[in-house]
Full PDB file with SEQRES, HELIX, SHEET, SSBOND, CRYST1, ORIGX, SCALE, CONECT and MASTER records, all heavy atoms in Angstrom:
SEQRES   1 A   32  LEU ARG LEU PRO GLU GLY LEU LEU ALA ARG ALA THR PRO          
SEQRES   2 A   32  ALA ARG LEU ARG GLU ALA ILE GLY VAL LEU LEU ASP ASN          
SEQRES   3 A   32  ALA LEU ARG HIS GLY GLU                                      
HELIX    1 AA1 PRO A   13  HIS A   30  1                                  18    
CRYST1    1.000    1.000    1.000  90.00  90.00  90.00 P 1           1          
ORIGX1      1.000000  0.000000  0.000000        0.00000                         
ORIGX2      0.000000  1.000000  0.000000        0.00000                         
ORIGX3      0.000000  0.000000  1.000000        0.00000                         
SCALE1      1.000000  0.000000  0.000000        0.00000                         
SCALE2      0.000000  1.000000  0.000000        0.00000                         
SCALE3      0.000000  0.000000  1.000000        0.00000                         
ATOM      1  N   LEU A   1       7.755   2.822  -8.245  1.00  0.00           N  
ATOM      2  CA  LEU A   1       6.339   2.739  -8.388  1.00  0.00           C  
ATOM      3  C   LEU A   1       5.884   2.381  -9.796  1.00  0.00           C  
ATOM      4  O   LEU A   1       6.555   2.854 -10.758  1.00  0.00           O  
ATOM      5  CB  LEU A   1       5.622   4.107  -7.991  1.00  0.00           C  
ATOM      6  CG  LEU A   1       5.877   4.643  -6.581  1.00  0.00           C  
ATOM      7  CD1 LEU A   1       5.156   5.993  -6.429  1.00  0.00           C  
ATOM      8  CD2 LEU A   1       5.420   3.664  -5.566  1.00  0.00           C  
ATOM      9  N   ARG A   2       4.908   1.585  -9.933  1.00  0.00           N  
ATOM     10  CA  ARG A   2       4.180   1.341 -11.231  1.00  0.00           C  
ATOM     11  C   ARG A   2       2.700   1.378 -10.999  1.00  0.00           C  
ATOM     12  O   ARG A   2       2.092   0.405 -10.611  1.00  0.00           O  
ATOM     13  CB  ARG A   2       4.625  -0.026 -11.837  1.00  0.00           C  
ATOM     14  CG  ARG A   2       6.042  -0.055 -12.305  1.00  0.00           C  
ATOM     15  CD  ARG A   2       6.324  -1.178 -13.255  1.00  0.00           C  
ATOM     16  NE  ARG A   2       6.167  -2.493 -12.544  1.00  0.00           N  
ATOM     17  CZ  ARG A   2       7.161  -3.105 -11.865  1.00  0.00           C  
ATOM     18  NH1 ARG A   2       8.335  -2.571 -11.800  1.00  0.00           N  
ATOM     19  NH2 ARG A   2       6.889  -4.216 -11.223  1.00  0.00           N  
ATOM     20  N   LEU A   3       2.191   2.587 -11.193  1.00  0.00           N  
ATOM     21  CA  LEU A   3       0.772   2.830 -10.800  1.00  0.00           C  
ATOM     22  C   LEU A   3       0.044   3.437 -12.013  1.00  0.00           C  
ATOM     23  O   LEU A   3       0.103   4.621 -12.308  1.00  0.00           O  
ATOM     24  CB  LEU A   3       0.661   3.739  -9.597  1.00  0.00           C  
ATOM     25  CG  LEU A   3       1.443   3.416  -8.345  1.00  0.00           C  
ATOM     26  CD1 LEU A   3       1.348   4.518  -7.316  1.00  0.00           C  
ATOM     27  CD2 LEU A   3       0.846   2.054  -7.823  1.00  0.00           C  
ATOM     28  N   PRO A   4      -0.771   2.612 -12.749  1.00  0.00           N  
ATOM     29  CA  PRO A   4      -1.566   3.176 -13.824  1.00  0.00           C  
ATOM     30  C   PRO A   4      -2.625   4.003 -13.318  1.00  0.00           C  
ATOM     31  O   PRO A   4      -3.177   3.859 -12.227  1.00  0.00           O  
ATOM     32  CB  PRO A   4      -2.084   1.897 -14.545  1.00  0.00           C  
ATOM     33  CG  PRO A   4      -2.067   0.898 -13.542  1.00  0.00           C  
ATOM     34  CD  PRO A   4      -0.865   1.145 -12.614  1.00  0.00           C  
ATOM     35  N   GLU A   5      -3.052   4.986 -14.083  1.00  0.00           N  
ATOM     36  CA  GLU A   5      -4.114   5.893 -13.691  1.00  0.00           C  
ATOM     37  C   GLU A   5      -5.489   5.236 -13.839  1.00  0.00           C  
ATOM     38  O   GLU A   5      -5.696   4.338 -14.671  1.00  0.00           O  
ATOM     39  CB  GLU A   5      -4.093   7.223 -14.467  1.00  0.00           C  
ATOM     40  CG  GLU A   5      -2.772   7.987 -14.250  1.00  0.00           C  
ATOM     41  CD  GLU A   5      -2.822   9.258 -14.999  1.00  0.00           C  
ATOM     42  OE1 GLU A   5      -3.869   9.504 -15.741  1.00  0.00           O  
ATOM     43  OE2 GLU A   5      -1.859  10.081 -14.905  1.00  0.00           O  
ATOM     44  N   GLY A   6      -6.411   5.675 -13.084  1.00  0.00           N  
ATOM     45  CA  GLY A   6      -7.804   5.273 -13.235  1.00  0.00           C  
ATOM     46  C   GLY A   6      -8.210   3.930 -12.604  1.00  0.00           C  
ATOM     47  O   GLY A   6      -9.237   3.388 -12.920  1.00  0.00           O  
ATOM     48  N   LEU A   7      -7.382   3.495 -11.673  1.00  0.00           N  
ATOM     49  CA  LEU A   7      -7.722   2.213 -10.910  1.00  0.00           C  
ATOM     50  C   LEU A   7      -8.694   2.525  -9.790  1.00  0.00           C  
ATOM     51  O   LEU A   7      -8.300   3.189  -8.821  1.00  0.00           O  
ATOM     52  CB  LEU A   7      -6.444   1.527 -10.382  1.00  0.00           C  
ATOM     53  CG  LEU A   7      -5.490   0.836 -11.361  1.00  0.00           C  
ATOM     54  CD1 LEU A   7      -4.374   0.232 -10.678  1.00  0.00           C  
ATOM     55  CD2 LEU A   7      -6.324  -0.249 -12.072  1.00  0.00           C  
ATOM     56  N   LEU A   8      -9.955   2.090  -9.949  1.00  0.00           N  
ATOM     57  CA  LEU A   8     -10.950   2.353  -8.979  1.00  0.00           C  
ATOM     58  C   LEU A   8     -11.326   1.089  -8.289  1.00  0.00           C  
ATOM     59  O   LEU A   8     -11.718   0.114  -8.887  1.00  0.00           O  
ATOM     60  CB  LEU A   8     -12.140   3.003  -9.578  1.00  0.00           C  
ATOM     61  CG  LEU A   8     -11.944   4.392 -10.249  1.00  0.00           C  
ATOM     62  CD1 LEU A   8     -13.248   4.909 -10.830  1.00  0.00           C  
ATOM     63  CD2 LEU A   8     -11.412   5.366  -9.248  1.00  0.00           C  
ATOM     64  N   ALA A   9     -11.253   1.039  -6.956  1.00  0.00           N  
ATOM     65  CA  ALA A   9     -11.636  -0.111  -6.147  1.00  0.00           C  
ATOM     66  C   ALA A   9     -12.507   0.369  -5.004  1.00  0.00           C  
ATOM     67  O   ALA A   9     -12.513   1.531  -4.605  1.00  0.00           O  
ATOM     68  CB  ALA A   9     -10.389  -0.842  -5.676  1.00  0.00           C  
ATOM     69  N   ARG A  10     -13.206  -0.653  -4.385  1.00  0.00           N  
ATOM     70  CA  ARG A  10     -13.917  -0.325  -3.215  1.00  0.00           C  
ATOM     71  C   ARG A  10     -13.077  -0.665  -1.973  1.00  0.00           C  
ATOM     72  O   ARG A  10     -12.740  -1.733  -1.741  1.00  0.00           O  
ATOM     73  CB  ARG A  10     -15.218  -1.112  -3.185  1.00  0.00           C  
ATOM     74  CG  ARG A  10     -16.258  -0.782  -4.178  1.00  0.00           C  
ATOM     75  CD  ARG A  10     -17.647  -1.494  -3.930  1.00  0.00           C  
ATOM     76  NE  ARG A  10     -18.127  -1.217  -2.613  1.00  0.00           N  
ATOM     77  CZ  ARG A  10     -18.843  -0.123  -2.324  1.00  0.00           C  
ATOM     78  NH1 ARG A  10     -19.081   0.792  -3.214  1.00  0.00           N  
ATOM     79  NH2 ARG A  10     -19.268   0.023  -1.075  1.00  0.00           N  
ATOM     80  N   ALA A  11     -12.817   0.462  -1.208  1.00  0.00           N  
ATOM     81  CA  ALA A  11     -11.938   0.321  -0.061  1.00  0.00           C  
ATOM     82  C   ALA A  11     -12.139   1.468   0.885  1.00  0.00           C  
ATOM     83  O   ALA A  11     -12.731   2.468   0.401  1.00  0.00           O  
ATOM     84  CB  ALA A  11     -10.462   0.140  -0.444  1.00  0.00           C  
ATOM     85  N   THR A  12     -11.721   1.398   2.104  1.00  0.00           N  
ATOM     86  CA  THR A  12     -11.677   2.500   3.005  1.00  0.00           C  
ATOM     87  C   THR A  12     -10.310   3.146   3.018  1.00  0.00           C  
ATOM     88  O   THR A  12      -9.297   2.457   3.161  1.00  0.00           O  
ATOM     89  CB  THR A  12     -12.008   2.006   4.457  1.00  0.00           C  
ATOM     90  OG1 THR A  12     -13.223   1.330   4.469  1.00  0.00           O  
ATOM     91  CG2 THR A  12     -12.129   3.126   5.405  1.00  0.00           C  
ATOM     92  N   PRO A  13     -10.220   4.478   2.780  1.00  0.00           N  
ATOM     93  CA  PRO A  13      -8.944   5.085   2.633  1.00  0.00           C  
ATOM     94  C   PRO A  13      -7.963   4.778   3.764  1.00  0.00           C  
ATOM     95  O   PRO A  13      -6.774   4.421   3.549  1.00  0.00           O  
ATOM     96  CB  PRO A  13      -9.225   6.556   2.534  1.00  0.00           C  
ATOM     97  CG  PRO A  13     -10.583   6.631   1.974  1.00  0.00           C  
ATOM     98  CD  PRO A  13     -11.320   5.406   2.505  1.00  0.00           C  
ATOM     99  N   ALA A  14      -8.435   4.970   4.999  1.00  0.00           N  
ATOM    100  CA  ALA A  14      -7.539   4.826   6.194  1.00  0.00           C  
ATOM    101  C   ALA A  14      -7.060   3.332   6.256  1.00  0.00           C  
ATOM    102  O   ALA A  14      -5.909   3.074   6.551  1.00  0.00           O  
ATOM    103  CB  ALA A  14      -8.293   5.152   7.433  1.00  0.00           C  
ATOM    104  N   ARG A  15      -7.961   2.370   6.033  1.00  0.00           N  
ATOM    105  CA  ARG A  15      -7.530   0.999   6.093  1.00  0.00           C  
ATOM    106  C   ARG A  15      -6.513   0.604   4.999  1.00  0.00           C  
ATOM    107  O   ARG A  15      -5.513  -0.081   5.275  1.00  0.00           O  
ATOM    108  CB  ARG A  15      -8.773   0.060   5.965  1.00  0.00           C  
ATOM    109  CG  ARG A  15      -9.723   0.128   7.192  1.00  0.00           C  
ATOM    110  CD  ARG A  15     -10.983  -0.661   6.901  1.00  0.00           C  
ATOM    111  NE  ARG A  15     -11.937  -0.493   8.019  1.00  0.00           N  
ATOM    112  CZ  ARG A  15     -13.186  -0.949   7.967  1.00  0.00           C  
ATOM    113  NH1 ARG A  15     -13.657  -1.454   6.829  1.00  0.00           N  
ATOM    114  NH2 ARG A  15     -13.952  -0.762   9.035  1.00  0.00           N  
ATOM    115  N   LEU A  16      -6.798   1.085   3.783  1.00  0.00           N  
ATOM    116  CA  LEU A  16      -5.863   0.763   2.660  1.00  0.00           C  
ATOM    117  C   LEU A  16      -4.522   1.355   2.966  1.00  0.00           C  
ATOM    118  O   LEU A  16      -3.474   0.671   2.787  1.00  0.00           O  
ATOM    119  CB  LEU A  16      -6.385   1.265   1.348  1.00  0.00           C  
ATOM    120  CG  LEU A  16      -5.496   1.066   0.178  1.00  0.00           C  
ATOM    121  CD1 LEU A  16      -5.278  -0.457  -0.094  1.00  0.00           C  
ATOM    122  CD2 LEU A  16      -6.135   1.711  -1.093  1.00  0.00           C  
ATOM    123  N   ARG A  17      -4.438   2.662   3.391  1.00  0.00           N  
ATOM    124  CA  ARG A  17      -3.224   3.306   3.677  1.00  0.00           C  
ATOM    125  C   ARG A  17      -2.434   2.594   4.768  1.00  0.00           C  
ATOM    126  O   ARG A  17      -1.242   2.410   4.701  1.00  0.00           O  
ATOM    127  CB  ARG A  17      -3.408   4.781   4.077  1.00  0.00           C  
ATOM    128  CG  ARG A  17      -3.970   5.635   2.960  1.00  0.00           C  
ATOM    129  CD  ARG A  17      -4.435   6.967   3.421  1.00  0.00           C  
ATOM    130  NE  ARG A  17      -3.343   7.788   3.946  1.00  0.00           N  
ATOM    131  CZ  ARG A  17      -2.729   8.639   3.153  1.00  0.00           C  
ATOM    132  NH1 ARG A  17      -3.123   8.848   1.866  1.00  0.00           N  
ATOM    133  NH2 ARG A  17      -1.772   9.367   3.655  1.00  0.00           N  
ATOM    134  N   GLU A  18      -3.097   2.201   5.773  1.00  0.00           N  
ATOM    135  CA  GLU A  18      -2.474   1.554   6.930  1.00  0.00           C  
ATOM    136  C   GLU A  18      -1.960   0.110   6.477  1.00  0.00           C  
ATOM    137  O   GLU A  18      -0.837  -0.249   6.845  1.00  0.00           O  
ATOM    138  CB  GLU A  18      -3.457   1.352   8.086  1.00  0.00           C  
ATOM    139  CG  GLU A  18      -2.837   0.640   9.250  1.00  0.00           C  
ATOM    140  CD  GLU A  18      -1.677   1.351   9.913  1.00  0.00           C  
ATOM    141  OE1 GLU A  18      -1.565   2.566   9.648  1.00  0.00           O  
ATOM    142  OE2 GLU A  18      -0.877   0.717  10.657  1.00  0.00           O  
ATOM    143  N   ALA A  19      -2.779  -0.653   5.708  1.00  0.00           N  
ATOM    144  CA  ALA A  19      -2.320  -1.968   5.260  1.00  0.00           C  
ATOM    145  C   ALA A  19      -1.058  -1.850   4.367  1.00  0.00           C  
ATOM    146  O   ALA A  19      -0.077  -2.623   4.521  1.00  0.00           O  
ATOM    147  CB  ALA A  19      -3.460  -2.676   4.516  1.00  0.00           C  
ATOM    148  N   ILE A  20      -1.087  -0.930   3.405  1.00  0.00           N  
ATOM    149  CA  ILE A  20       0.064  -0.756   2.540  1.00  0.00           C  
ATOM    150  C   ILE A  20       1.307  -0.227   3.391  1.00  0.00           C  
ATOM    151  O   ILE A  20       2.439  -0.638   3.152  1.00  0.00           O  
ATOM    152  CB  ILE A  20      -0.277   0.186   1.348  1.00  0.00           C  
ATOM    153  CG1 ILE A  20      -1.403  -0.352   0.572  1.00  0.00           C  
ATOM    154  CG2 ILE A  20       0.987   0.388   0.530  1.00  0.00           C  
ATOM    155  CD1 ILE A  20      -1.176  -1.759  -0.048  1.00  0.00           C  
ATOM    156  N   GLY A  21       0.944   0.611   4.313  1.00  0.00           N  
ATOM    157  CA  GLY A  21       2.085   1.113   5.180  1.00  0.00           C  
ATOM    158  C   GLY A  21       2.724  -0.046   5.979  1.00  0.00           C  
ATOM    159  O   GLY A  21       3.966  -0.123   6.147  1.00  0.00           O  
ATOM    160  N   VAL A  22       1.849  -1.025   6.397  1.00  0.00           N  
ATOM    161  CA  VAL A  22       2.448  -2.176   7.170  1.00  0.00           C  
ATOM    162  C   VAL A  22       3.412  -2.985   6.209  1.00  0.00           C  
ATOM    163  O   VAL A  22       4.463  -3.431   6.593  1.00  0.00           O  
ATOM    164  CB  VAL A  22       1.301  -3.031   7.721  1.00  0.00           C  
ATOM    165  CG1 VAL A  22       1.821  -4.408   8.163  1.00  0.00           C  
ATOM    166  CG2 VAL A  22       0.596  -2.344   8.832  1.00  0.00           C  
ATOM    167  N   LEU A  23       2.921  -3.119   4.989  1.00  0.00           N  
ATOM    168  CA  LEU A  23       3.661  -3.956   3.997  1.00  0.00           C  
ATOM    169  C   LEU A  23       5.025  -3.236   3.668  1.00  0.00           C  
ATOM    170  O   LEU A  23       6.112  -3.892   3.558  1.00  0.00           O  
ATOM    171  CB  LEU A  23       2.884  -4.225   2.757  1.00  0.00           C  
ATOM    172  CG  LEU A  23       1.652  -5.037   2.911  1.00  0.00           C  
ATOM    173  CD1 LEU A  23       0.952  -5.246   1.620  1.00  0.00           C  
ATOM    174  CD2 LEU A  23       2.033  -6.387   3.561  1.00  0.00           C  
ATOM    175  N   LEU A  24       4.974  -1.892   3.552  1.00  0.00           N  
ATOM    176  CA  LEU A  24       6.163  -1.143   3.253  1.00  0.00           C  
ATOM    177  C   LEU A  24       7.175  -1.190   4.461  1.00  0.00           C  
ATOM    178  O   LEU A  24       8.357  -1.254   4.299  1.00  0.00           O  
ATOM    179  CB  LEU A  24       5.879   0.283   2.856  1.00  0.00           C  
ATOM    180  CG  LEU A  24       5.158   0.410   1.472  1.00  0.00           C  
ATOM    181  CD1 LEU A  24       4.772   1.902   1.287  1.00  0.00           C  
ATOM    182  CD2 LEU A  24       6.083  -0.066   0.354  1.00  0.00           C  
ATOM    183  N   ASP A  25       6.586  -1.083   5.653  1.00  0.00           N  
ATOM    184  CA  ASP A  25       7.395  -1.173   6.873  1.00  0.00           C  
ATOM    185  C   ASP A  25       8.015  -2.500   7.007  1.00  0.00           C  
ATOM    186  O   ASP A  25       9.192  -2.638   7.453  1.00  0.00           O  
ATOM    187  CB  ASP A  25       6.533  -0.829   8.081  1.00  0.00           C  
ATOM    188  CG  ASP A  25       7.292  -0.881   9.377  1.00  0.00           C  
ATOM    189  OD1 ASP A  25       8.172  -0.089   9.565  1.00  0.00           O  
ATOM    190  OD2 ASP A  25       7.035  -1.780  10.226  1.00  0.00           O  
ATOM    191  N   ASN A  26       7.321  -3.598   6.611  1.00  0.00           N  
ATOM    192  CA  ASN A  26       7.816  -4.861   6.660  1.00  0.00           C  
ATOM    193  C   ASN A  26       9.005  -5.057   5.698  1.00  0.00           C  
ATOM    194  O   ASN A  26       9.991  -5.662   5.968  1.00  0.00           O  
ATOM    195  CB  ASN A  26       6.734  -5.931   6.336  1.00  0.00           C  
ATOM    196  CG  ASN A  26       7.165  -7.412   6.448  1.00  0.00           C  
ATOM    197  OD1 ASN A  26       7.341  -7.871   7.569  1.00  0.00           O  
ATOM    198  ND2 ASN A  26       7.396  -8.051   5.427  1.00  0.00           N  
ATOM    199  N   ALA A  27       8.808  -4.453   4.475  1.00  0.00           N  
ATOM    200  CA  ALA A  27       9.907  -4.489   3.508  1.00  0.00           C  
ATOM    201  C   ALA A  27      11.101  -3.723   3.970  1.00  0.00           C  
ATOM    202  O   ALA A  27      12.263  -4.065   3.719  1.00  0.00           O  
ATOM    203  CB  ALA A  27       9.416  -3.913   2.149  1.00  0.00           C  
ATOM    204  N   LEU A  28      10.939  -2.609   4.689  1.00  0.00           N  
ATOM    205  CA  LEU A  28      11.994  -1.795   5.229  1.00  0.00           C  
ATOM    206  C   LEU A  28      12.777  -2.547   6.359  1.00  0.00           C  
ATOM    207  O   LEU A  28      14.004  -2.518   6.324  1.00  0.00           O  
ATOM    208  CB  LEU A  28      11.482  -0.442   5.700  1.00  0.00           C  
ATOM    209  CG  LEU A  28      12.427   0.473   6.454  1.00  0.00           C  
ATOM    210  CD1 LEU A  28      13.519   0.858   5.525  1.00  0.00           C  
ATOM    211  CD2 LEU A  28      11.692   1.669   7.068  1.00  0.00           C  
ATOM    212  N   ARG A  29      12.015  -3.226   7.168  1.00  0.00           N  
ATOM    213  CA  ARG A  29      12.652  -3.842   8.360  1.00  0.00           C  
ATOM    214  C   ARG A  29      13.294  -5.100   7.992  1.00  0.00           C  
ATOM    215  O   ARG A  29      14.416  -5.502   8.442  1.00  0.00           O  
ATOM    216  CB  ARG A  29      11.556  -4.118   9.411  1.00  0.00           C  
ATOM    217  CG  ARG A  29      11.073  -2.862  10.080  1.00  0.00           C  
ATOM    218  CD  ARG A  29       9.901  -3.195  11.065  1.00  0.00           C  
ATOM    219  NE  ARG A  29       9.334  -2.053  11.711  1.00  0.00           N  
ATOM    220  CZ  ARG A  29       9.769  -1.682  12.862  1.00  0.00           C  
ATOM    221  NH1 ARG A  29      10.746  -2.274  13.535  1.00  0.00           N  
ATOM    222  NH2 ARG A  29       9.238  -0.571  13.491  1.00  0.00           N  
ATOM    223  N   HIS A  30      12.628  -5.981   7.120  1.00  0.00           N  
ATOM    224  CA  HIS A  30      13.162  -7.321   6.858  1.00  0.00           C  
ATOM    225  C   HIS A  30      13.653  -7.506   5.460  1.00  0.00           C  
ATOM    226  O   HIS A  30      14.193  -8.673   5.307  1.00  0.00           O  
ATOM    227  CB  HIS A  30      11.927  -8.290   7.231  1.00  0.00           C  
ATOM    228  CG  HIS A  30      11.367  -8.099   8.567  1.00  0.00           C  
ATOM    229  ND1 HIS A  30      12.061  -8.252   9.751  1.00  0.00           N  
ATOM    230  CD2 HIS A  30      10.107  -7.707   8.930  1.00  0.00           C  
ATOM    231  CE1 HIS A  30      11.237  -8.087  10.754  1.00  0.00           C  
ATOM    232  NE2 HIS A  30      10.060  -7.690  10.292  1.00  0.00           N  
ATOM    233  N   GLY A  31      13.490  -6.596   4.614  1.00  0.00           N  
ATOM    234  CA  GLY A  31      13.834  -6.819   3.238  1.00  0.00           C  
ATOM    235  C   GLY A  31      15.164  -6.085   2.872  1.00  0.00           C  
ATOM    236  O   GLY A  31      15.822  -5.470   3.734  1.00  0.00           O  
ATOM    237  N   GLU A  32      15.484  -6.178   1.640  1.00  0.00           N  
ATOM    238  CA  GLU A  32      16.745  -5.549   1.164  1.00  0.00           C  
ATOM    239  C   GLU A  32      16.491  -5.007  -0.237  1.00  0.00           C  
ATOM    240  O   GLU A  32      15.522  -5.340  -0.895  1.00  0.00           O  
ATOM    241  CB  GLU A  32      17.924  -6.572   1.133  1.00  0.00           C  
ATOM    242  CG  GLU A  32      18.319  -7.086   2.444  1.00  0.00           C  
ATOM    243  CD  GLU A  32      19.420  -8.150   2.344  1.00  0.00           C  
ATOM    244  OE1 GLU A  32      19.827  -8.452   1.131  1.00  0.00           O  
ATOM    245  OE2 GLU A  32      19.906  -8.715   3.318  1.00  0.00           O  
TER     246      GLU A  32                                                      
MASTER        0    0    0    1    0    0    0    6  245    1    0    3          
END                                                                             
C-alpha cells in the first residue's frame, strides 16, 4: 500500500469498495 493521508474525494463508500475489490480480485485471479 501507498496511501497518503487526507485524500478526500466524492464517492459512494459501497461503490468504491466494490470497484476496488473487483480490481484486487482481478489481480489475484489473473496476475502474479
